[in-house]
């Protein structure tokens, strides 16, 4: 079970920039939705790839989470500063932190009109406790490899007992999208229910109107929604794999939202009164890591030399651009709870790097760096790093690889390369989204000291926010001392939308949008 949980979390960490493949199953109307947005009250979002089913528990890729966001509501969203309640009416934690009591709002309805009850919470937890059905929220039913216990208290209330303290569990639970038990006949083998997975019976402000995998997903307002009535009539996700074609569609008014992937594209829209570019922290860390299986790093001063040679500000300026990312200073992102912006991070010292290059014999050696050629900014970053290392006497060979081959290589025990670039999701609670990178859970080969491992455990167990903040500040500093990775950039999520679209900046979450009822057209 722990292995399954690890693979799910790793997949989610990779998902922020990977694209889901297009499938062939469909539940559709014969005609595509109206493509002209000029005279209709509809949000048409261009996306690069398509979901193949409408069950959010079977979807781990970025595009899928975007497309299914309006179909399913969270229970609640907990941040450092507040808890925003959606399906849940309340969540209470016992004084010892071991018991969580979750209560739903009354008179909630699924899109087919059936009541949402505690039975649906129980079913959803059961689904994720099943190790063989592909469900993606196992961290709601396991703390590490230990299962939580849960029981129905009444028609709206479920009580959950934790096997050990976990300060992040309440945050994790809030993001659990409920599944309708009646649609699946209480059968937790959700993979076997291909027809039901295409029904899209959800709890959000919009319900399914039409879906053709690989082409579009069309949603219409759900009139029995418990929350504020959405002011936008329809939300359409139109699959346009080619970025240039998306740009044309946006300019012609065929879509009114698209993600922006380059500074050049962002600059193109500036000054256009009909289009506004929005920039959110993506909640991700792109980093450089050393291959611990390479003999090159038998001398720790080699890693020290490489880190001293790099200038992350210059890398981000050259590879990303002003809108697409900011220089990273810690292993936490600028959208991670307890992130400390005042920690200095690594600083370039070319004199020190040149000295260490000579001491370690690097000046007579060629190192090899591999990167994922399917990820944005990686090639550009590799070329800048190659030059910065050359400036201190280190020769670097760079190799781009397709995604599958890249991950097989860097998460195995290959010793025929020295350095690699990668990234991980880091939006929200650090114990939920980052700890697996550094505590061995995800099977990633990083050098982590016993002291850092202990700080991860302390942060997980601490219930008091002030105490946790102190632990995570120390942990961020310790990761720098360990030289576990070299954080390079915090990418931004950048999108262009019709200037008439209002409310997009109210809740800055990724993937957008957390609450579609906040959106409207001017």
Protein backbone atom coordinates (compact mmCIF):
# COMPACT_ATOMS: atom_id res chain seq x y z
CA UNK A 1 0.00 0.00 0.00
CA UNK A 2 2.79 2.40 0.84
CA UNK A 3 4.29 1.78 -2.60
CA UNK A 4 0.97 2.62 -4.23
CA UNK A 5 0.63 5.81 -2.23
CA UNK A 6 4.18 6.82 -3.17
CA UNK A 7 3.56 6.31 -6.86
CA UNK A 8 0.37 8.35 -6.73
CA UNK A 9 2.05 11.23 -4.94
CA UNK A 10 5.01 11.15 -7.31
CA UNK A 11 2.66 11.21 -10.28
CA UNK A 12 0.90 14.25 -8.83
CA UNK A 13 4.22 15.96 -8.20
CA UNK A 14 5.18 15.45 -11.85
CA UNK A 15 1.75 16.36 -13.10
CA UNK A 16 2.06 20.12 -12.95
CA UNK A 17 3.77 20.32 -16.35
CA UNK A 18 3.05 16.96 -17.97
CA UNK A 19 0.20 16.57 -20.46
CA UNK A 20 -2.39 13.82 -20.33
CA UNK A 21 -2.81 11.69 -23.46
CA UNK A 22 -6.01 11.77 -25.46
CA UNK A 23 -8.22 8.70 -25.28
CA UNK A 24 -10.93 7.22 -27.45
CA UNK A 25 -13.90 6.55 -25.16
CA UNK A 26 -16.62 9.14 -25.41
CA UNK A 27 -20.03 10.22 -24.25
CA UNK A 28 -21.02 13.04 -26.52
CA UNK A 29 -23.46 14.94 -28.61
CA UNK A 30 -22.80 14.80 -32.32
CA UNK A 31 -22.15 18.52 -32.62
CA UNK A 32 -19.38 20.46 -30.87
CA UNK A 33 -20.34 23.41 -28.63
CA UNK A 34 -20.67 26.87 -30.13
CA UNK A 35 -17.15 28.20 -30.72
CA UNK A 36 -18.03 31.93 -30.86
CA UNK A 37 -17.85 33.50 -27.39
CA UNK A 38 -18.69 37.07 -28.45
CA UNK A 39 -22.46 37.00 -27.85
CA UNK A 40 -22.81 34.26 -25.23
CA UNK A 41 -22.33 34.17 -21.50
CA UNK A 42 -19.92 31.25 -21.56
CA UNK A 43 -16.33 30.64 -20.54
CA UNK A 44 -14.45 28.70 -23.23
CA UNK A 45 -11.06 27.49 -22.03
CA UNK A 46 -8.44 26.21 -24.46
CA UNK A 47 -6.60 23.14 -23.15
CA UNK A 48 -3.74 21.16 -24.64
CA UNK A 49 -5.05 17.68 -23.89
CA UNK A 50 -8.14 15.86 -22.71
CA UNK A 51 -9.42 13.77 -19.87
CA UNK A 52 -10.55 10.30 -20.92
CA UNK A 53 -13.09 9.90 -18.11
CA UNK A 54 -14.95 12.19 -15.68
CA UNK A 55 -13.98 10.57 -12.38
CA UNK A 56 -11.57 12.95 -10.62
CA UNK A 57 -10.16 10.10 -8.53
CA UNK A 58 -8.77 8.52 -11.69
CA UNK A 59 -7.21 11.74 -12.98
CA UNK A 60 -3.73 12.87 -11.95
CA UNK A 61 -2.64 15.18 -14.76
CA UNK A 62 -2.77 18.95 -14.77
CA UNK A 63 -5.17 19.30 -17.70
CA UNK A 64 -7.55 16.80 -16.11
CA UNK A 65 -7.66 18.64 -12.81
CA UNK A 66 -8.43 21.84 -14.67
CA UNK A 67 -11.21 20.28 -16.75
CA UNK A 68 -12.91 18.58 -13.81
CA UNK A 69 -12.61 21.48 -11.39
CA UNK A 70 -16.10 22.87 -11.97
CA UNK A 71 -17.74 19.42 -11.77
CA UNK A 72 -16.54 18.54 -8.25
CA UNK A 73 -16.37 20.67 -5.11
CA UNK A 74 -13.85 20.20 -2.34
CA UNK A 75 -15.02 19.55 1.20
CA UNK A 76 -13.11 22.67 2.24
CA UNK A 77 -9.82 24.44 1.53
CA UNK A 78 -7.55 25.00 4.52
CA UNK A 79 -4.73 27.51 4.29
CA UNK A 80 -2.46 29.09 6.90
CA UNK A 81 -4.85 32.01 7.28
CA UNK A 82 -8.34 30.54 6.84
CA UNK A 83 -10.60 27.59 6.07
CA UNK A 84 -12.99 28.06 3.14
CA UNK A 85 -15.91 25.64 3.45
CA UNK A 86 -17.60 24.10 0.42
CA UNK A 87 -19.43 20.76 0.89
CA UNK A 88 -18.40 20.61 4.54
CA UNK A 89 -20.19 22.60 7.21
CA UNK A 90 -17.40 22.08 9.74
CA UNK A 91 -14.28 20.09 10.58
CA UNK A 92 -13.19 19.69 14.19
CA UNK A 93 -10.00 18.21 15.60
CA UNK A 94 -9.73 16.81 19.12
CA UNK A 95 -7.26 18.34 21.58
CA UNK A 96 -4.85 15.43 21.13
CA UNK A 97 -5.01 15.77 17.33
CA UNK A 98 -6.05 12.15 16.87
CA UNK A 99 -9.77 12.51 16.05
CA UNK A 100 -11.23 14.49 13.16
CA UNK A 101 -14.99 15.06 12.96
CA UNK A 102 -16.28 16.06 9.54
CA UNK A 103 -19.82 17.35 9.05
CA UNK A 104 -21.50 18.06 5.70
CA UNK A 105 -23.85 20.91 4.94
CA UNK A 106 -27.51 19.90 4.96
CA UNK A 107 -29.57 19.42 1.78
CA UNK A 108 -26.61 19.02 -0.59
CA UNK A 109 -27.42 17.40 -3.95
CA UNK A 110 -25.53 15.48 -6.59
CA UNK A 111 -26.05 16.57 -10.18
CA UNK A 112 -28.63 13.79 -10.65
CA UNK A 113 -30.69 15.16 -7.75
CA UNK A 114 -29.76 12.53 -5.14
CA UNK A 115 -28.77 13.74 -1.66
CA UNK A 116 -25.09 13.98 -0.69
CA UNK A 117 -24.68 12.30 2.69
CA UNK A 118 -22.18 10.75 5.07
CA UNK A 119 -22.60 7.51 3.11
CA UNK A 120 -20.79 9.21 0.23
CA UNK A 121 -17.92 10.17 2.53
CA UNK A 122 -17.67 6.58 3.76
CA UNK A 123 -17.77 5.24 0.20
CA UNK A 124 -15.10 7.69 -1.00
CA UNK A 125 -12.80 6.73 1.86
CA UNK A 126 -13.44 3.04 1.11
CA UNK A 127 -12.55 3.64 -2.54
CA UNK A 128 -9.20 5.11 -1.59
CA UNK A 129 -8.51 2.32 0.88
CA UNK A 130 -8.76 -0.18 -2.00
CA UNK A 131 -5.18 -0.72 -3.22
CA UNK A 132 -6.06 -1.96 -6.71
CA UNK A 133 -8.54 0.48 -8.22
CA UNK A 134 -6.31 3.42 -9.20
CA UNK A 135 -7.91 5.98 -6.89
CA UNK A 136 -5.66 8.96 -6.30
CA UNK A 137 -6.36 10.08 -2.73
CA UNK A 138 -4.85 7.31 -0.62
CA UNK A 139 -3.31 9.93 1.69
CA UNK A 140 -6.85 10.57 2.99
CA UNK A 141 -7.00 7.03 4.41
CA UNK A 142 -3.35 6.41 5.30
CA UNK A 143 -0.88 8.23 7.51
CA UNK A 144 2.36 6.92 6.11
CA UNK A 145 1.56 3.22 5.75
CA UNK A 146 -0.87 3.14 8.67
CA UNK A 147 -4.63 3.23 7.95
CA UNK A 148 -6.99 5.69 9.55
CA UNK A 149 -10.24 4.41 11.09
CA UNK A 150 -13.56 6.03 10.17
CA UNK A 151 -17.19 5.61 11.11
CA UNK A 152 -20.53 7.21 10.30
CA UNK A 153 -21.97 9.17 13.22
CA UNK A 154 -25.19 10.35 11.54
CA UNK A 155 -26.46 11.17 8.05
CA UNK A 156 -24.12 14.15 7.73
CA UNK A 157 -21.22 13.31 10.03
CA UNK A 158 -18.18 11.03 9.86
CA UNK A 159 -15.57 10.63 12.58
CA UNK A 160 -11.99 9.75 11.60
CA UNK A 161 -9.39 8.42 14.02
CA UNK A 162 -5.73 8.78 13.08
CA UNK A 163 -3.13 6.09 13.87
CA UNK A 164 -0.60 8.79 14.81
CA UNK A 165 -0.52 12.60 14.89
CA UNK A 166 -0.45 14.30 11.49
CA UNK A 167 -0.65 18.09 11.29
CA UNK A 168 -1.26 17.94 7.52
CA UNK A 169 -4.13 15.44 7.59
CA UNK A 170 -6.90 18.02 7.98
CA UNK A 171 -5.58 19.94 4.97
CA UNK A 172 -5.41 16.73 2.92
CA UNK A 173 -8.94 15.67 3.89
CA UNK A 174 -10.40 19.00 2.81
CA UNK A 175 -9.33 18.50 -0.81
CA UNK A 176 -10.99 15.09 -1.09
CA UNK A 177 -13.62 15.15 -3.88
CA UNK A 178 -16.56 12.97 -2.92
CA UNK A 179 -17.86 10.22 -5.20
CA UNK A 180 -21.58 9.33 -5.41
CA UNK A 181 -21.97 5.92 -3.77
CA UNK A 182 -25.33 5.30 -5.49
CA UNK A 183 -23.86 5.74 -8.98
CA UNK A 184 -21.24 3.03 -8.34
CA UNK A 185 -23.57 0.75 -6.37
CA UNK A 186 -21.13 1.06 -3.44
CA UNK A 187 -18.56 -0.92 -5.47
CA UNK A 188 -15.09 0.43 -4.70
CA UNK A 189 -13.59 -1.05 -7.88
CA UNK A 190 -14.13 2.22 -9.73
CA UNK A 191 -11.80 1.27 -12.62
CA UNK A 192 -14.31 -1.41 -13.64
CA UNK A 193 -17.13 1.15 -13.99
CA UNK A 194 -16.28 2.67 -17.36
CA UNK A 195 -19.85 3.79 -18.05
CA UNK A 196 -20.30 5.36 -14.62
CA UNK A 197 -16.94 7.13 -14.91
CA UNK A 198 -18.30 8.94 -17.98
CA UNK A 199 -21.50 10.15 -16.29
CA UNK A 200 -19.70 12.95 -14.44
CA UNK A 201 -22.19 13.02 -11.58
CA UNK A 202 -20.51 15.62 -9.39
CA UNK A 203 -21.16 18.19 -6.68
CA UNK A 204 -19.87 21.41 -8.20
CA UNK A 205 -21.57 24.52 -9.60
CA UNK A 206 -21.63 23.08 -13.14
CA UNK A 207 -22.96 19.75 -14.43
CA UNK A 208 -22.19 17.72 -17.53
CA UNK A 209 -23.88 18.69 -20.79
CA UNK A 210 -21.64 17.00 -23.38
CA UNK A 211 -18.25 15.30 -23.53
CA UNK A 212 -16.17 14.07 -26.44
CA UNK A 213 -12.77 12.90 -25.31
CA UNK A 214 -9.99 14.55 -27.25
CA UNK A 215 -12.29 17.35 -28.43
CA UNK A 216 -14.31 19.09 -25.72
CA UNK A 217 -16.06 18.99 -22.35
CA UNK A 218 -19.15 21.18 -22.07
CA UNK A 219 -20.71 22.02 -18.70
CA UNK A 220 -23.86 23.94 -17.83
CA UNK A 221 -24.94 25.68 -14.64
CA UNK A 222 -26.34 23.38 -11.94
CA UNK A 223 -29.47 25.15 -10.71
CA UNK A 224 -29.72 23.14 -7.45
CA UNK A 225 -26.19 24.10 -6.37
CA UNK A 226 -26.00 24.84 -2.64
CA UNK A 227 -23.70 27.86 -2.99
CA UNK A 228 -23.86 31.14 -4.82
CA UNK A 229 -25.49 30.92 -8.23
CA UNK A 230 -22.81 31.03 -10.95
CA UNK A 231 -23.24 34.08 -13.18
CA UNK A 232 -21.67 32.33 -16.19
CA UNK A 233 -24.12 30.03 -18.01
CA UNK A 234 -21.70 27.51 -19.50
CA UNK A 235 -18.08 26.42 -19.12
CA UNK A 236 -16.49 24.71 -22.12
CA UNK A 237 -13.04 23.12 -22.25
CA UNK A 238 -11.96 22.97 -25.87
CA UNK A 239 -9.03 20.68 -26.67
CA UNK A 240 -6.51 22.43 -28.94
CA UNK A 241 -3.17 20.59 -28.72
CA UNK A 242 -1.16 23.15 -30.70
CA UNK A 243 -0.26 26.29 -28.74
CA UNK A 244 -0.17 28.47 -31.85
CA UNK A 245 -3.69 27.33 -32.72
CA UNK A 246 -4.82 28.28 -29.21
CA UNK A 247 -3.36 31.76 -29.69
CA UNK A 248 -5.26 32.19 -32.96
CA UNK A 249 -8.47 30.95 -31.30
CA UNK A 250 -8.05 33.45 -28.45
CA UNK A 251 -7.48 36.37 -30.83
CA UNK A 252 -10.51 35.36 -32.93
CA UNK A 253 -12.75 35.08 -29.86
CA UNK A 254 -13.27 31.33 -30.23
CA UNK A 255 -11.88 30.81 -26.71
CA UNK A 256 -11.51 33.31 -23.88
CA UNK A 257 -8.87 31.55 -21.77
CA UNK A 258 -5.55 29.83 -22.52
CA UNK A 259 -2.40 29.01 -20.59
CA UNK A 260 0.71 30.94 -21.65
CA UNK A 261 3.91 28.94 -21.91
CA UNK A 262 6.58 31.51 -22.77
CA UNK A 263 7.62 35.06 -22.05
CA UNK A 264 7.36 35.81 -25.76
CA UNK A 265 3.68 34.82 -25.73
CA UNK A 266 3.01 36.82 -22.55
CA UNK A 267 4.62 39.90 -24.08
CA UNK A 268 2.50 39.50 -27.21
CA UNK A 269 -0.70 40.18 -25.26
CA UNK A 270 0.55 43.14 -23.26
CA UNK A 271 -1.06 46.29 -24.54
CA UNK A 272 -4.01 44.39 -26.01
CA UNK A 273 -7.06 45.96 -24.36
CA UNK A 274 -9.19 42.88 -25.08
CA UNK A 275 -6.84 40.37 -23.43
CA UNK A 276 -5.34 40.38 -19.93
CA UNK A 277 -2.38 38.28 -18.79
CA UNK A 278 -2.65 36.86 -15.25
CA UNK A 279 0.26 35.46 -13.26
CA UNK A 280 -0.06 33.16 -10.23
CA UNK A 281 2.63 31.24 -8.35
CA UNK A 282 2.31 27.70 -9.72
CA UNK A 283 3.37 26.12 -6.44
CA UNK A 284 6.29 24.23 -7.93
CA UNK A 285 10.05 24.00 -7.50
CA UNK A 286 12.33 23.33 -10.47
CA UNK A 287 15.72 22.17 -9.30
CA UNK A 288 19.15 20.75 -10.14
CA UNK A 289 20.18 17.50 -8.46
CA UNK A 290 23.35 15.46 -8.34
CA UNK A 291 23.24 11.74 -9.13
CA UNK A 292 24.37 10.05 -5.94
CA UNK A 293 25.25 6.90 -7.92
CA UNK A 294 27.86 8.80 -9.92
CA UNK A 295 31.44 8.38 -8.73
CA UNK A 296 31.92 12.08 -9.44
CA UNK A 297 30.38 12.96 -6.09
CA UNK A 298 32.47 10.66 -3.92
CA UNK A 299 34.18 13.92 -2.96
CA UNK A 300 31.49 16.24 -1.47
CA UNK A 301 33.52 19.26 -2.55
CA UNK A 302 32.50 18.55 -6.16
CA UNK A 303 28.87 19.35 -5.37
CA UNK A 304 30.02 22.40 -3.43
CA UNK A 305 31.98 23.60 -6.47
CA UNK A 306 28.99 23.22 -8.80
CA UNK A 307 26.60 25.04 -6.46
CA UNK A 308 29.08 27.90 -5.99
CA UNK A 309 29.38 28.32 -9.77
CA UNK A 310 25.67 28.90 -10.36
CA UNK A 311 23.68 32.14 -10.38
CA UNK A 312 19.99 31.29 -10.12
CA UNK A 313 18.87 34.87 -10.77
CA UNK A 314 20.69 34.87 -14.09
CA UNK A 315 19.31 31.43 -14.95
CA UNK A 316 15.71 32.45 -14.33
CA UNK A 317 16.10 35.77 -16.15
CA UNK A 318 17.55 34.05 -19.22
CA UNK A 319 15.52 30.82 -19.30
CA UNK A 320 12.14 31.89 -17.93
CA UNK A 321 11.62 35.64 -18.24
CA UNK A 322 10.03 38.20 -15.95
CA UNK A 323 6.51 36.72 -15.94
CA UNK A 324 7.20 33.00 -16.14
CA UNK A 325 9.10 32.39 -12.90
CA UNK A 326 11.14 33.73 -10.00
CA UNK A 327 14.44 32.59 -8.54
CA UNK A 328 14.10 29.95 -5.81
CA UNK A 329 15.76 30.27 -2.43
CA UNK A 330 14.58 27.12 -0.57
CA UNK A 331 13.14 23.65 -1.21
CA UNK A 332 9.71 25.15 -0.37
CA UNK A 333 7.98 27.08 -3.13
CA UNK A 334 6.55 30.56 -2.80
CA UNK A 335 3.11 28.89 -2.57
CA UNK A 336 4.07 26.43 0.19
CA UNK A 337 2.78 27.04 3.69
CA UNK A 338 5.59 28.13 6.03
CA UNK A 339 7.77 29.23 3.10
CA UNK A 340 10.44 31.66 4.35
CA UNK A 341 11.27 34.31 1.75
CA UNK A 342 14.08 35.70 3.94
CA UNK A 343 16.29 32.61 3.73
CA UNK A 344 19.21 33.50 1.46
CA UNK A 345 19.67 30.24 -0.40
CA UNK A 346 22.77 29.49 -2.43
CA UNK A 347 24.87 32.42 -3.65
CA UNK A 348 27.28 32.43 -6.55
CA UNK A 349 30.97 32.56 -5.61
CA UNK A 350 33.06 31.98 -8.74
CA UNK A 351 36.34 32.37 -6.86
CA UNK A 352 35.42 29.59 -4.48
CA UNK A 353 34.14 27.45 -7.38
CA UNK A 354 37.37 27.86 -9.37
CA UNK A 355 39.45 26.91 -6.35
CA UNK A 356 37.36 23.78 -5.67
CA UNK A 357 37.45 22.79 -9.34
CA UNK A 358 41.23 22.63 -9.18
CA UNK A 359 41.29 20.89 -5.77
CA UNK A 360 38.91 18.13 -6.91
CA UNK A 361 40.29 17.61 -10.41
CA UNK A 362 37.10 18.75 -12.12
CA UNK A 363 39.11 20.90 -14.53
CA UNK A 364 40.15 17.76 -16.40
CA UNK A 365 36.76 16.09 -16.49
CA UNK A 366 33.51 16.36 -18.50
CA UNK A 367 30.27 15.99 -16.54
CA UNK A 368 26.95 14.96 -18.05
CA UNK A 369 23.55 16.52 -17.32
CA UNK A 370 20.20 15.07 -18.46
CA UNK A 371 16.88 16.88 -18.61
CA UNK A 372 13.29 16.24 -19.62
CA UNK A 373 12.90 17.77 -23.07
CA UNK A 374 9.09 17.70 -22.74
CA UNK A 375 9.14 20.21 -19.89
CA UNK A 376 9.14 23.95 -20.33
CA UNK A 377 12.34 25.93 -19.62
CA UNK A 378 14.58 22.87 -19.13
CA UNK A 379 16.56 23.14 -22.37
CA UNK A 380 17.14 26.86 -21.88
CA UNK A 381 18.19 26.28 -18.28
CA UNK A 382 20.64 23.56 -19.34
CA UNK A 383 22.40 25.87 -21.78
CA UNK A 384 22.81 28.64 -19.19
CA UNK A 385 24.08 26.22 -16.54
CA UNK A 386 26.47 24.77 -19.10
CA UNK A 387 27.94 28.24 -19.66
CA UNK A 388 28.12 29.11 -15.95
CA UNK A 389 30.03 25.91 -15.22
CA UNK A 390 32.31 26.52 -18.20
CA UNK A 391 33.17 29.93 -16.73
CA UNK A 392 34.74 28.23 -13.68
CA UNK A 393 36.47 25.47 -15.64
CA UNK A 394 33.86 22.66 -15.64
CA UNK A 395 32.94 21.09 -18.97
CA UNK A 396 29.32 19.96 -19.18
CA UNK A 397 27.61 17.75 -21.75
CA UNK A 398 23.81 18.15 -21.83
CA UNK A 399 21.24 15.63 -23.10
CA UNK A 400 17.49 16.12 -23.49
CA UNK A 401 15.31 13.02 -23.07
CA UNK A 402 11.63 12.24 -23.60
CA UNK A 403 9.60 11.98 -20.39
CA UNK A 404 9.31 8.22 -19.87
CA UNK A 405 12.96 7.54 -20.54
CA UNK A 406 14.01 10.45 -18.37
CA UNK A 407 12.09 9.31 -15.29
CA UNK A 408 13.18 5.71 -15.70
CA UNK A 409 16.75 6.90 -15.72
CA UNK A 410 16.85 9.45 -12.91
CA UNK A 411 14.69 7.45 -10.50
CA UNK A 412 16.72 4.30 -11.02
CA UNK A 413 20.33 3.57 -10.09
CA UNK A 414 22.08 4.51 -13.35
CA UNK A 415 25.56 5.92 -12.83
CA UNK A 416 26.32 7.09 -16.38
CA UNK A 417 25.31 10.73 -15.83
CA UNK A 418 26.13 13.26 -13.12
CA UNK A 419 23.41 15.91 -12.92
CA UNK A 420 19.74 16.30 -13.81
CA UNK A 421 16.92 18.84 -13.75
CA UNK A 422 13.50 18.02 -12.37
CA UNK A 423 10.58 19.68 -10.60
CA UNK A 424 8.01 18.88 -7.92
CA UNK A 425 4.65 20.25 -6.86
CA UNK A 426 4.79 22.34 -3.69
CA UNK A 427 1.41 24.03 -3.30
CA UNK A 428 0.00 23.94 0.23
CA UNK A 429 1.08 22.02 3.31
CA UNK A 430 4.75 20.92 3.09
CA UNK A 431 4.11 17.58 4.75
CA UNK A 432 1.50 16.78 2.12
CA UNK A 433 3.25 18.03 -1.00
CA UNK A 434 7.03 18.03 -0.39
CA UNK A 435 8.06 15.62 2.37
CA UNK A 436 7.95 12.58 0.07
CA UNK A 437 10.71 14.15 -2.02
CA UNK A 438 13.15 14.19 0.87
CA UNK A 439 12.12 11.51 3.37
CA UNK A 440 12.49 8.58 0.96
CA UNK A 441 8.76 8.06 0.45
CA UNK A 442 8.82 8.70 -3.29
CA UNK A 443 11.98 6.71 -3.91
CA UNK A 444 13.91 9.72 -5.21
CA UNK A 445 17.67 9.43 -4.84
CA UNK A 446 18.70 12.48 -2.82
CA UNK A 447 21.25 13.03 -0.08
CA UNK A 448 19.34 13.89 3.09
CA UNK A 449 20.88 14.05 6.57
CA UNK A 450 19.40 12.32 9.60
CA UNK A 451 18.85 15.77 11.11
CA UNK A 452 16.71 16.84 8.15
CA UNK A 453 14.74 13.59 8.27
CA UNK A 454 14.01 14.21 11.93
CA UNK A 455 12.77 17.73 11.16
CA UNK A 456 10.32 16.32 8.60
CA UNK A 457 8.96 14.01 11.31
CA UNK A 458 8.71 16.86 13.81
CA UNK A 459 6.84 19.03 11.32
CA UNK A 460 4.35 16.24 10.64
CA UNK A 461 3.61 15.73 14.32
CA UNK A 462 3.46 19.35 15.50
CA UNK A 463 -0.10 20.58 15.96
CA UNK A 464 0.62 24.20 16.82
CA UNK A 465 1.12 26.49 13.78
CA UNK A 466 3.77 28.62 15.47
CA UNK A 467 5.77 25.52 16.40
CA UNK A 468 5.42 24.12 12.88
CA UNK A 469 6.59 27.41 11.36
CA UNK A 470 9.76 27.27 13.47
CA UNK A 471 10.43 23.66 12.54
CA UNK A 472 9.96 24.31 8.83
CA UNK A 473 12.20 27.38 8.91
CA UNK A 474 14.95 25.24 10.44
CA UNK A 475 14.23 22.49 7.89
CA UNK A 476 14.57 24.86 4.93
CA UNK A 477 17.92 26.03 6.28
CA UNK A 478 19.04 22.45 6.95
CA UNK A 479 18.23 21.39 3.36
CA UNK A 480 20.56 24.14 2.14
CA UNK A 481 23.29 22.92 4.46
CA UNK A 482 22.76 19.33 3.24
CA UNK A 483 22.92 20.49 -0.41
CA UNK A 484 20.08 18.02 -1.06
CA UNK A 485 19.13 19.84 -4.28
CA UNK A 486 19.85 23.21 -5.85
CA UNK A 487 16.46 25.00 -6.12
CA UNK A 488 16.50 27.06 -9.31
CA UNK A 489 13.05 28.50 -9.98
CA UNK A 490 9.49 28.87 -8.81
CA UNK A 491 7.54 28.74 -12.10
CA UNK A 492 4.43 30.85 -12.45
CA UNK A 493 1.09 29.73 -13.82
CA UNK A 494 0.43 32.30 -16.52
CA UNK A 495 -2.74 32.56 -18.55
CA UNK A 496 -4.34 34.99 -20.97
CA UNK A 497 -8.05 35.66 -20.74
CA UNK A 498 -10.61 38.03 -22.16
CA UNK A 499 -10.35 41.31 -20.28
CA UNK A 500 -14.09 41.12 -19.62
CA UNK A 501 -13.61 38.01 -17.44
CA UNK A 502 -13.73 39.15 -13.82
CA UNK A 503 -12.94 37.41 -10.50
CA UNK A 504 -9.95 35.40 -11.67
CA UNK A 505 -7.62 37.00 -9.12
CA UNK A 506 -9.86 36.48 -6.09
CA UNK A 507 -8.63 32.98 -5.15
CA UNK A 508 -5.15 32.29 -6.51
CA UNK A 509 -4.97 28.52 -6.54
CA UNK A 510 -3.49 26.11 -9.03
CA UNK A 511 -5.03 24.53 -10.95
CA UNK A 512 -7.47 27.37 -11.53
CA UNK A 513 -10.22 27.93 -10.59
CA UNK A 514 -11.03 26.88 -7.03
CA UNK A 515 -14.47 28.52 -7.08
CA UNK A 516 -16.13 29.14 -10.44
CA UNK A 517 -18.94 31.11 -8.77
CA UNK A 518 -16.45 33.96 -8.31
CA UNK A 519 -16.18 34.39 -12.09
CA UNK A 520 -18.29 36.70 -14.21
CA UNK A 521 -18.20 38.70 -17.42
CA UNK A 522 -18.19 42.45 -17.19
